[in-house]
């Protein structure tokens, strides 16, 4: 998909991710371990993040972007979003959205900006008809955000995520169709 950098506000910039962002992406995923993104921080590998970035960049129906803010001589990556298009022709117009924002930037509009940017890119590409995502049932903030941005609940995957205390969480399946 075509990706053009976009300045949002307060120095926030959304741009295409590169392999050089892999360590920052891994850091964000590790920071999100407490929020249910991964079970343990040692599950995240910068090498795997780098491969995912390169895979998405190579696919014409995928997108991987990061949100950055100025930090001294460099930019600090504070969020990431991937739209992973399916490789099968019958599903080529469906993409899976994954997003993470560093906890220190929750509630500051980074997630909203990333999702709006991704949906605009997907709509403009003419390749993506439907964007799907999963979010934890207890992540009320994310559910509210996705609902406001045009996503609807399509169902639930019951007891999908085992917590450290032995209890389970549902995942909420949500989707947005191109208007």
Protein backbone atom coordinates (compact mmCIF):
# COMPACT_ATOMS: atom_id res chain seq x y z
CA UNK A 1 0.00 0.00 0.00
CA UNK A 2 1.12 3.53 -0.60
CA UNK A 3 2.33 5.20 2.58
CA UNK A 4 3.10 8.90 2.88
CA UNK A 5 4.34 10.35 6.19
CA UNK A 6 1.75 12.44 8.00
CA UNK A 7 2.36 14.98 10.74
CA UNK A 8 -0.53 14.91 13.21
CA UNK A 9 0.04 17.35 16.07
CA UNK A 10 2.48 18.08 18.88
CA UNK A 11 5.27 16.64 16.73
CA UNK A 12 3.49 13.28 16.28
CA UNK A 13 4.43 11.78 12.92
CA UNK A 14 3.07 8.64 11.31
CA UNK A 15 5.39 7.01 8.79
CA UNK A 16 6.12 3.66 7.22
CA UNK A 17 8.07 1.36 9.53
CA UNK A 18 11.51 0.11 8.52
CA UNK A 19 13.73 -2.68 9.79
CA UNK A 20 15.51 -0.05 11.88
CA UNK A 21 12.32 0.27 13.95
CA UNK A 22 12.34 -3.41 14.98
CA UNK A 23 13.91 -2.84 18.40
CA UNK A 24 11.47 -0.02 19.20
CA UNK A 25 8.55 -2.18 18.06
CA UNK A 26 9.78 -5.04 20.27
CA UNK A 27 10.07 -2.59 23.20
CA UNK A 28 6.47 -1.44 22.75
CA UNK A 29 5.23 -5.03 22.61
CA UNK A 30 7.21 -5.89 25.75
CA UNK A 31 5.82 -2.83 27.56
CA UNK A 32 2.35 -4.02 26.58
CA UNK A 33 2.84 -7.43 28.22
CA UNK A 34 0.97 -6.17 31.28
CA UNK A 35 -1.92 -5.11 29.04
CA UNK A 36 -2.43 -8.51 27.44
CA UNK A 37 -0.57 -8.06 24.15
CA UNK A 38 1.80 -10.89 24.96
CA UNK A 39 1.88 -13.19 27.98
CA UNK A 40 5.53 -12.56 28.83
CA UNK A 41 8.00 -9.96 27.66
CA UNK A 42 10.48 -12.68 26.65
CA UNK A 43 8.03 -13.79 23.93
CA UNK A 44 9.02 -10.77 21.85
CA UNK A 45 11.99 -11.03 19.51
CA UNK A 46 13.35 -7.98 17.62
CA UNK A 47 14.38 -10.32 14.77
CA UNK A 48 10.79 -11.50 14.38
CA UNK A 49 9.60 -7.87 14.47
CA UNK A 50 12.07 -7.04 11.70
CA UNK A 51 10.82 -9.94 9.56
CA UNK A 52 7.20 -8.89 10.09
CA UNK A 53 8.01 -5.34 9.01
CA UNK A 54 9.75 -6.55 5.85
CA UNK A 55 6.92 -8.98 5.04
CA UNK A 56 4.29 -6.25 5.33
CA UNK A 57 6.36 -3.80 3.28
CA UNK A 58 6.66 -6.38 0.48
CA UNK A 59 2.92 -7.16 0.27
CA UNK A 60 0.78 -4.83 -1.84
CA UNK A 61 -2.24 -5.36 0.42
CA UNK A 62 -0.44 -4.75 3.73
CA UNK A 63 0.75 -1.79 5.73
CA UNK A 64 3.06 -1.29 8.69
CA UNK A 65 3.42 2.17 10.21
CA UNK A 66 4.83 3.68 13.37
CA UNK A 67 3.92 6.81 15.31
CA UNK A 68 6.93 8.83 16.41
CA UNK A 69 7.59 11.95 18.44
CA UNK A 70 10.73 14.07 18.39
CA UNK A 71 13.27 13.05 21.04
CA UNK A 72 16.57 14.90 20.85
CA UNK A 73 18.50 14.02 17.71
CA UNK A 74 16.19 11.15 16.84
CA UNK A 75 12.52 10.22 16.96
CA UNK A 76 10.99 8.00 19.63
CA UNK A 77 8.60 5.31 18.36
CA UNK A 78 5.49 5.42 20.57
CA UNK A 79 3.06 3.31 18.56
CA UNK A 80 2.79 0.84 15.73
CA UNK A 81 0.05 -0.49 13.52
CA UNK A 82 -0.01 -3.30 10.99
CA UNK A 83 -2.62 -4.16 8.43
CA UNK A 84 -1.80 -7.65 7.25
CA UNK A 85 -3.52 -8.53 4.02
CA UNK A 86 -4.27 -12.17 3.33
CA UNK A 87 -2.19 -13.87 0.62
CA UNK A 88 -5.10 -15.95 -0.72
CA UNK A 89 -6.97 -14.44 -3.69
CA UNK A 90 -10.41 -15.04 -2.16
CA UNK A 91 -9.33 -13.15 0.97
CA UNK A 92 -6.98 -10.65 -0.67
CA UNK A 93 -9.32 -7.74 0.15
CA UNK A 94 -9.41 -8.54 3.89
CA UNK A 95 -6.74 -7.25 6.28
CA UNK A 96 -6.09 -7.96 9.96
CA UNK A 97 -5.30 -4.91 12.10
CA UNK A 98 -2.85 -5.12 15.00
CA UNK A 99 -1.88 -2.10 17.04
CA UNK A 100 0.10 -1.23 20.13
CA UNK A 101 0.86 2.08 21.82
CA UNK A 102 3.46 2.49 24.54
CA UNK A 103 1.65 2.81 27.90
CA UNK A 104 3.15 6.26 28.54
CA UNK A 105 1.19 7.53 25.50
CA UNK A 106 -2.17 5.88 26.20
CA UNK A 107 -5.04 8.35 26.08
CA UNK A 108 -3.10 10.89 24.00
CA UNK A 109 -4.72 10.18 20.63
CA UNK A 110 -1.89 8.07 19.20
CA UNK A 111 -4.07 4.98 18.69
CA UNK A 112 -6.86 7.02 17.11
CA UNK A 113 -4.41 8.70 14.74
CA UNK A 114 -2.89 5.35 13.74
CA UNK A 115 -6.25 3.70 13.06
CA UNK A 116 -7.58 6.70 11.12
CA UNK A 117 -4.41 6.80 9.03
CA UNK A 118 -4.57 3.06 8.31
CA UNK A 119 -8.26 3.08 7.36
CA UNK A 120 -7.69 6.05 5.04
CA UNK A 121 -4.75 4.26 3.37
CA UNK A 122 -6.77 1.05 3.05
CA UNK A 123 -9.79 2.87 1.59
CA UNK A 124 -7.62 4.83 -0.86
CA UNK A 125 -5.77 1.71 -1.99
CA UNK A 126 -8.89 0.15 -3.48
CA UNK A 127 -7.52 -3.23 -2.36
CA UNK A 128 -8.97 -3.59 1.14
CA UNK A 129 -12.72 -4.09 1.57
CA UNK A 130 -12.75 -5.26 5.18
CA UNK A 131 -10.47 -4.68 8.17
CA UNK A 132 -10.70 -7.20 11.00
CA UNK A 133 -9.23 -7.11 14.49
CA UNK A 134 -9.27 -8.86 17.83
CA UNK A 135 -9.19 -7.05 21.15
CA UNK A 136 -9.45 -8.32 24.70
CA UNK A 137 -12.98 -8.19 26.10
CA UNK A 138 -11.72 -6.28 29.15
CA UNK A 139 -10.06 -3.58 27.01
CA UNK A 140 -12.99 -1.17 27.15
CA UNK A 141 -10.87 1.77 25.97
CA UNK A 142 -9.95 -0.06 22.74
CA UNK A 143 -13.51 -1.26 22.13
CA UNK A 144 -14.81 2.32 22.50
CA UNK A 145 -12.12 3.65 20.16
CA UNK A 146 -12.73 1.06 17.45
CA UNK A 147 -16.51 1.52 17.70
CA UNK A 148 -16.14 5.30 17.26
CA UNK A 149 -13.98 4.66 14.20
CA UNK A 150 -16.59 2.52 12.45
CA UNK A 151 -15.78 -0.99 13.67
CA UNK A 152 -18.56 -3.31 14.82
CA UNK A 153 -18.44 -6.42 16.96
CA UNK A 154 -18.81 -9.58 14.89
CA UNK A 155 -18.47 -12.11 17.68
CA UNK A 156 -16.35 -13.40 20.54
CA UNK A 157 -13.74 -16.04 20.95
CA UNK A 158 -14.58 -17.41 24.38
CA UNK A 159 -11.86 -18.07 26.96
CA UNK A 160 -9.13 -17.47 24.37
CA UNK A 161 -6.38 -15.99 26.55
CA UNK A 162 -5.17 -17.71 29.71
CA UNK A 163 -4.06 -15.28 32.40
CA UNK A 164 -1.30 -15.88 34.93
CA UNK A 165 -3.88 -16.52 37.66
CA UNK A 166 -5.49 -19.34 35.64
CA UNK A 167 -8.58 -17.38 34.57
CA UNK A 168 -9.43 -16.74 30.94
CA UNK A 169 -10.34 -13.71 28.84
CA UNK A 170 -12.49 -13.53 25.73
CA UNK A 171 -11.33 -11.85 22.55
CA UNK A 172 -13.82 -9.57 20.80
CA UNK A 173 -13.85 -9.88 17.00
CA UNK A 174 -14.50 -6.53 15.35
CA UNK A 175 -14.56 -5.41 11.73
CA UNK A 176 -14.96 -2.35 9.55
CA UNK A 177 -16.13 -2.47 5.94
CA UNK A 178 -14.99 0.11 3.42
CA UNK A 179 -17.75 2.72 3.16
